[in-house]
Amino acid sequence: MTRKEFLSFGAISVAGVLASVGLGACGSSTTPPVPTPNGTFTSTSANGHTHTFTLSQNDVQSPPSAGLSGSTSSASGHTHTFAMTQAQLQQVNAGGSVTITSGSSDTGGAHTHNFDITKWF
């Protein structure tokens, strides 16, 4: 192999490697995250603690006519009531957001928490 052939071969090899790297970067794609069927929301902090509440995708997409209610997670030895109307669930499903204020807690000082609910799927 002559020096000219060697240099030509080297340049072609380097170009091939660069093209492969470039194509790998351009051609790669990330898989979009799979929506989770449940969305867990964390409240604002009050008296030094927060709570969570989990909504199901089905409840947002097909809201019960009576809305829904339940208890938040336990923190500082207590829970709160959480409730959403059918209209609020529909608003979230349409892409809006709603702020839900929990029921008051009698333990640890009477207080409430706010939950900002948005569509997660």
N, C-alpha and C. Protein backbone atom coordinates (compact mmCIF):
# COMPACT_ATOMS: atom_id res chain seq x y z
N MET A 1 0.85 -1.15 0.00
CA MET A 1 0.00 0.00 0.00
C MET A 1 0.91 1.23 0.00
N THR A 2 0.62 2.15 -0.89
CA THR A 2 1.41 3.38 -0.96
C THR A 2 0.94 4.34 0.12
N ARG A 3 1.76 5.34 0.34
CA ARG A 3 1.42 6.36 1.34
C ARG A 3 0.11 7.04 0.97
N LYS A 4 -0.08 7.33 -0.29
CA LYS A 4 -1.29 7.99 -0.77
C LYS A 4 -2.51 7.10 -0.53
N GLU A 5 -2.39 5.79 -0.81
CA GLU A 5 -3.50 4.88 -0.57
C GLU A 5 -3.81 4.78 0.92
N PHE A 6 -2.73 4.71 1.73
CA PHE A 6 -2.90 4.63 3.17
C PHE A 6 -3.65 5.84 3.72
N LEU A 7 -3.23 7.06 3.31
CA LEU A 7 -3.88 8.27 3.78
C LEU A 7 -5.33 8.35 3.29
N SER A 8 -5.56 7.93 2.06
CA SER A 8 -6.91 7.93 1.51
C SER A 8 -7.80 6.96 2.29
N PHE A 9 -7.26 5.76 2.57
CA PHE A 9 -7.99 4.75 3.32
C PHE A 9 -8.31 5.27 4.74
N GLY A 10 -7.33 5.92 5.35
CA GLY A 10 -7.51 6.47 6.70
C GLY A 10 -8.59 7.54 6.72
N ALA A 11 -8.59 8.41 5.73
CA ALA A 11 -9.59 9.47 5.67
C ALA A 11 -10.98 8.89 5.48
N ILE A 12 -11.09 7.87 4.64
CA ILE A 12 -12.38 7.22 4.42
C ILE A 12 -12.85 6.54 5.71
N SER A 13 -11.93 5.90 6.42
CA SER A 13 -12.29 5.22 7.67
C SER A 13 -12.77 6.21 8.72
N VAL A 14 -12.06 7.34 8.85
CA VAL A 14 -12.46 8.35 9.81
C VAL A 14 -13.82 8.92 9.44
N ALA A 15 -14.03 9.18 8.15
CA ALA A 15 -15.32 9.71 7.70
C ALA A 15 -16.43 8.71 8.00
N GLY A 16 -16.15 7.44 7.81
CA GLY A 16 -17.14 6.40 8.10
C GLY A 16 -17.50 6.35 9.57
N VAL A 17 -16.49 6.45 10.42
CA VAL A 17 -16.75 6.44 11.86
C VAL A 17 -17.57 7.66 12.26
N LEU A 18 -17.19 8.83 11.74
CA LEU A 18 -17.94 10.04 12.06
C LEU A 18 -19.38 9.95 11.58
N ALA A 19 -19.58 9.40 10.40
CA ALA A 19 -20.93 9.26 9.87
C ALA A 19 -21.75 8.31 10.74
N SER A 20 -21.10 7.23 11.20
CA SER A 20 -21.81 6.28 12.05
C SER A 20 -22.22 6.92 13.35
N VAL A 21 -21.31 7.68 13.93
CA VAL A 21 -21.62 8.36 15.18
C VAL A 21 -22.73 9.37 14.95
N GLY A 22 -22.63 10.11 13.88
CA GLY A 22 -23.65 11.11 13.57
C GLY A 22 -25.00 10.48 13.32
N LEU A 23 -25.01 9.38 12.56
CA LEU A 23 -26.28 8.72 12.30
C LEU A 23 -26.86 8.14 13.57
N GLY A 24 -26.01 7.62 14.43
CA GLY A 24 -26.48 7.07 15.69
C GLY A 24 -27.15 8.14 16.53
N ALA A 25 -26.58 9.34 16.55
CA ALA A 25 -27.15 10.41 17.36
C ALA A 25 -28.44 10.92 16.73
N CYS A 26 -28.44 11.07 15.39
CA CYS A 26 -29.63 11.59 14.73
C CYS A 26 -30.75 10.56 14.68
N GLY A 27 -30.37 9.32 14.48
CA GLY A 27 -31.36 8.28 14.31
C GLY A 27 -31.91 7.74 15.61
N SER A 28 -31.26 8.06 16.71
CA SER A 28 -31.74 7.51 17.97
C SER A 28 -32.96 8.29 18.43
N SER A 29 -33.79 7.61 19.13
CA SER A 29 -34.95 8.29 19.69
C SER A 29 -35.20 7.72 21.07
N THR A 30 -35.76 8.55 21.88
CA THR A 30 -36.12 8.07 23.21
C THR A 30 -37.59 7.70 23.18
N THR A 31 -37.89 6.66 23.88
CA THR A 31 -39.27 6.23 23.96
C THR A 31 -40.00 7.17 24.91
N PRO A 32 -41.13 7.70 24.47
CA PRO A 32 -41.85 8.60 25.38
C PRO A 32 -42.29 7.85 26.62
N PRO A 33 -42.37 8.53 27.74
CA PRO A 33 -42.79 7.84 28.96
C PRO A 33 -44.21 7.31 28.82
N VAL A 34 -44.42 6.15 29.37
CA VAL A 34 -45.74 5.55 29.35
C VAL A 34 -46.57 6.21 30.45
N PRO A 35 -47.75 6.72 30.10
CA PRO A 35 -48.57 7.35 31.14
C PRO A 35 -48.93 6.35 32.23
N THR A 36 -48.90 6.80 33.44
CA THR A 36 -49.27 5.92 34.54
C THR A 36 -50.77 6.02 34.77
N PRO A 37 -51.39 4.92 35.14
CA PRO A 37 -52.84 4.95 35.33
C PRO A 37 -53.27 5.74 36.57
N ASN A 38 -52.32 6.01 37.44
CA ASN A 38 -52.64 6.77 38.66
C ASN A 38 -51.73 7.98 38.76
N GLY A 39 -52.26 9.06 39.29
CA GLY A 39 -51.48 10.25 39.54
C GLY A 39 -51.50 10.56 41.03
N THR A 40 -50.32 10.70 41.62
CA THR A 40 -50.24 11.00 43.05
C THR A 40 -49.82 12.45 43.22
N PHE A 41 -50.58 13.18 44.00
CA PHE A 41 -50.37 14.61 44.18
C PHE A 41 -50.00 14.89 45.64
N THR A 42 -49.05 15.80 45.83
CA THR A 42 -48.58 16.17 47.16
C THR A 42 -49.15 17.52 47.53
N SER A 43 -49.61 17.62 48.76
CA SER A 43 -50.23 18.86 49.24
C SER A 43 -49.18 19.91 49.56
N THR A 44 -49.69 21.09 49.82
CA THR A 44 -48.85 22.14 50.38
C THR A 44 -48.50 21.74 51.81
N SER A 45 -47.47 22.34 52.33
CA SER A 45 -47.04 22.04 53.69
C SER A 45 -47.83 22.90 54.69
N ALA A 46 -48.25 22.27 55.76
CA ALA A 46 -48.90 22.98 56.88
C ALA A 46 -48.44 22.31 58.16
N ASN A 47 -48.12 23.08 59.15
CA ASN A 47 -47.63 22.54 60.42
C ASN A 47 -46.44 21.59 60.22
N GLY A 48 -45.63 21.89 59.21
CA GLY A 48 -44.40 21.13 58.98
C GLY A 48 -44.56 19.77 58.33
N HIS A 49 -45.66 19.53 57.64
CA HIS A 49 -45.83 18.24 56.97
C HIS A 49 -46.71 18.39 55.73
N THR A 50 -46.68 17.37 54.89
CA THR A 50 -47.52 17.30 53.68
C THR A 50 -48.27 15.97 53.69
N HIS A 51 -49.21 15.86 52.77
CA HIS A 51 -49.96 14.62 52.56
C HIS A 51 -49.99 14.36 51.05
N THR A 52 -50.35 13.16 50.67
CA THR A 52 -50.55 12.83 49.26
C THR A 52 -51.95 12.28 49.07
N PHE A 53 -52.41 12.38 47.82
CA PHE A 53 -53.67 11.76 47.43
C PHE A 53 -53.48 11.23 46.01
N THR A 54 -53.99 10.04 45.75
CA THR A 54 -53.82 9.41 44.44
C THR A 54 -55.16 9.34 43.72
N LEU A 55 -55.17 9.81 42.47
CA LEU A 55 -56.35 9.74 41.60
C LEU A 55 -56.09 8.69 40.53
N SER A 56 -57.15 8.03 40.10
CA SER A 56 -57.01 7.09 38.99
C SER A 56 -57.33 7.81 37.68
N GLN A 57 -56.66 7.39 36.63
CA GLN A 57 -56.91 7.95 35.30
C GLN A 57 -58.38 7.74 34.93
N ASN A 58 -58.93 6.61 35.29
CA ASN A 58 -60.32 6.30 34.97
C ASN A 58 -61.28 7.30 35.63
N ASP A 59 -60.99 7.68 36.88
CA ASP A 59 -61.86 8.65 37.57
C ASP A 59 -61.83 10.02 36.90
N VAL A 60 -60.72 10.35 36.28
CA VAL A 60 -60.61 11.64 35.60
C VAL A 60 -61.26 11.56 34.22
N GLN A 61 -61.05 10.47 33.52
CA GLN A 61 -61.61 10.34 32.17
C GLN A 61 -63.11 10.06 32.18
N SER A 62 -63.59 9.35 33.19
CA SER A 62 -65.01 9.04 33.33
C SER A 62 -65.45 9.37 34.75
N PRO A 63 -65.55 10.66 35.05
CA PRO A 63 -65.82 11.06 36.44
C PRO A 63 -67.18 10.58 36.94
N PRO A 64 -67.21 10.04 38.13
CA PRO A 64 -68.49 9.63 38.71
C PRO A 64 -69.40 10.85 38.89
N SER A 65 -70.69 10.68 38.71
CA SER A 65 -71.61 11.81 38.83
C SER A 65 -71.58 12.41 40.24
N ALA A 66 -71.28 11.61 41.23
CA ALA A 66 -71.21 12.10 42.61
C ALA A 66 -69.81 12.62 42.95
N GLY A 67 -68.92 12.62 41.98
CA GLY A 67 -67.55 13.01 42.27
C GLY A 67 -66.85 11.90 43.01
N LEU A 68 -65.80 12.23 43.73
CA LEU A 68 -65.09 11.22 44.51
C LEU A 68 -64.59 11.82 45.81
N SER A 69 -64.36 10.97 46.76
CA SER A 69 -63.80 11.42 48.03
C SER A 69 -63.01 10.28 48.65
N GLY A 70 -62.14 10.65 49.55
CA GLY A 70 -61.32 9.66 50.23
C GLY A 70 -60.46 10.35 51.27
N SER A 71 -59.52 9.60 51.80
CA SER A 71 -58.60 10.12 52.81
C SER A 71 -57.22 10.30 52.20
N THR A 72 -56.54 11.32 52.66
CA THR A 72 -55.16 11.55 52.23
C THR A 72 -54.26 10.52 52.91
N SER A 73 -52.99 10.54 52.55
CA SER A 73 -52.01 9.73 53.25
C SER A 73 -51.91 10.24 54.69
N SER A 74 -51.38 9.41 55.55
CA SER A 74 -51.20 9.78 56.94
C SER A 74 -49.85 10.47 57.13
N ALA A 75 -49.85 11.54 57.88
CA ALA A 75 -48.61 12.23 58.25
C ALA A 75 -48.85 12.89 59.59
N SER A 76 -47.86 12.92 60.42
CA SER A 76 -47.97 13.50 61.76
C SER A 76 -49.15 12.91 62.53
N GLY A 77 -49.42 11.64 62.27
CA GLY A 77 -50.45 10.93 63.03
C GLY A 77 -51.88 11.20 62.63
N HIS A 78 -52.12 11.76 61.44
CA HIS A 78 -53.50 12.03 61.03
C HIS A 78 -53.62 12.03 59.51
N THR A 79 -54.86 11.99 59.06
CA THR A 79 -55.20 12.12 57.64
C THR A 79 -56.17 13.27 57.49
N HIS A 80 -56.50 13.58 56.25
CA HIS A 80 -57.51 14.60 55.93
C HIS A 80 -58.48 14.00 54.93
N THR A 81 -59.67 14.58 54.84
CA THR A 81 -60.59 14.18 53.79
C THR A 81 -60.23 14.95 52.52
N PHE A 82 -60.45 14.29 51.40
CA PHE A 82 -60.17 14.86 50.08
C PHE A 82 -61.40 14.59 49.23
N ALA A 83 -61.90 15.60 48.54
CA ALA A 83 -63.09 15.41 47.70
C ALA A 83 -62.98 16.27 46.44
N MET A 84 -63.45 15.69 45.33
CA MET A 84 -63.53 16.42 44.05
C MET A 84 -64.91 16.18 43.45
N THR A 85 -65.49 17.23 42.88
CA THR A 85 -66.78 17.11 42.21
C THR A 85 -66.56 16.57 40.79
N GLN A 86 -67.64 16.13 40.19
CA GLN A 86 -67.57 15.68 38.80
C GLN A 86 -67.06 16.81 37.90
N ALA A 87 -67.54 18.02 38.14
CA ALA A 87 -67.12 19.16 37.31
C ALA A 87 -65.61 19.42 37.45
N GLN A 88 -65.07 19.28 38.65
CA GLN A 88 -63.63 19.48 38.83
C GLN A 88 -62.83 18.40 38.11
N LEU A 89 -63.30 17.17 38.18
CA LEU A 89 -62.63 16.07 37.48
C LEU A 89 -62.68 16.30 35.97
N GLN A 90 -63.81 16.78 35.46
CA GLN A 90 -63.94 17.07 34.03
C GLN A 90 -62.99 18.20 33.62
N GLN A 91 -62.83 19.19 34.48
CA GLN A 91 -61.92 20.30 34.20
C GLN A 91 -60.48 19.80 34.07
N VAL A 92 -60.09 18.91 34.96
CA VAL A 92 -58.75 18.32 34.89
C VAL A 92 -58.60 17.51 33.61
N ASN A 93 -59.60 16.72 33.27
CA ASN A 93 -59.54 15.90 32.06
C ASN A 93 -59.42 16.76 30.81
N ALA A 94 -60.00 17.96 30.83
CA ALA A 94 -59.93 18.87 29.69
C ALA A 94 -58.59 19.61 29.62
N GLY A 95 -57.70 19.34 30.59
CA GLY A 95 -56.38 19.97 30.57
C GLY A 95 -56.25 21.13 31.53
N GLY A 96 -57.29 21.43 32.27
CA GLY A 96 -57.22 22.51 33.25
C GLY A 96 -56.63 22.03 34.56
N SER A 97 -56.58 22.92 35.50
CA SER A 97 -56.10 22.54 36.83
C SER A 97 -57.08 23.06 37.86
N VAL A 98 -57.14 22.38 38.97
CA VAL A 98 -57.99 22.80 40.08
C VAL A 98 -57.19 22.70 41.38
N THR A 99 -57.51 23.55 42.31
CA THR A 99 -56.91 23.48 43.63
C THR A 99 -57.97 22.96 44.59
N ILE A 100 -57.64 21.88 45.26
CA ILE A 100 -58.54 21.25 46.21
C ILE A 100 -58.00 21.51 47.61
N THR A 101 -58.86 21.99 48.49
CA THR A 101 -58.49 22.18 49.88
C THR A 101 -59.03 21.00 50.67
N SER A 102 -58.14 20.35 51.40
CA SER A 102 -58.54 19.20 52.19
C SER A 102 -59.46 19.61 53.33
N GLY A 103 -60.11 18.62 53.90
CA GLY A 103 -60.86 18.87 55.12
C GLY A 103 -59.89 19.20 56.24
N SER A 104 -60.40 19.82 57.29
CA SER A 104 -59.57 20.23 58.42
C SER A 104 -59.22 19.04 59.30
N SER A 105 -58.05 19.13 59.91
CA SER A 105 -57.63 18.11 60.86
C SER A 105 -57.78 18.65 62.26
N ASP A 106 -58.30 17.83 63.15
CA ASP A 106 -58.45 18.26 64.54
C ASP A 106 -57.21 17.92 65.36
N THR A 107 -56.36 17.05 64.82
CA THR A 107 -55.16 16.67 65.57
C THR A 107 -53.99 17.50 65.07
N GLY A 108 -53.09 17.83 65.94
CA GLY A 108 -51.93 18.62 65.54
C GLY A 108 -52.29 20.06 65.22
N GLY A 109 -53.42 20.54 65.74
CA GLY A 109 -53.87 21.89 65.42
C GLY A 109 -54.75 21.86 64.19
N ALA A 110 -55.88 22.51 64.25
CA ALA A 110 -56.79 22.52 63.10
C ALA A 110 -56.10 23.18 61.91
N HIS A 111 -56.05 22.48 60.80
CA HIS A 111 -55.40 23.00 59.60
C HIS A 111 -55.90 22.25 58.37
N THR A 112 -55.65 22.82 57.22
CA THR A 112 -55.99 22.19 55.93
C THR A 112 -54.74 22.20 55.06
N HIS A 113 -54.83 21.51 53.94
CA HIS A 113 -53.77 21.49 52.94
C HIS A 113 -54.40 21.72 51.57
N ASN A 114 -53.65 22.32 50.65
CA ASN A 114 -54.11 22.48 49.27
C ASN A 114 -53.40 21.49 48.37
N PHE A 115 -54.15 20.99 47.40
CA PHE A 115 -53.62 20.08 46.39
C PHE A 115 -53.87 20.72 45.02
N ASP A 116 -52.82 20.91 44.24
CA ASP A 116 -52.97 21.40 42.86
C ASP A 116 -53.06 20.18 41.95
N ILE A 117 -54.22 19.97 41.36
CA ILE A 117 -54.48 18.80 40.54
C ILE A 117 -54.46 19.17 39.07
N THR A 118 -53.62 18.47 38.31
CA THR A 118 -53.50 18.66 36.86
C THR A 118 -53.49 17.29 36.18
N LYS A 119 -53.76 17.30 34.91
CA LYS A 119 -53.77 16.06 34.13
C LYS A 119 -52.34 15.54 34.00
N TRP A 120 -52.11 14.30 34.29
CA TRP A 120 -50.78 13.70 34.25
C TRP A 120 -50.62 12.70 33.12
N PHE A 121 -51.63 12.40 32.40
CA PHE A 121 -51.58 11.41 31.32
C PHE A 121 -51.89 12.04 29.99
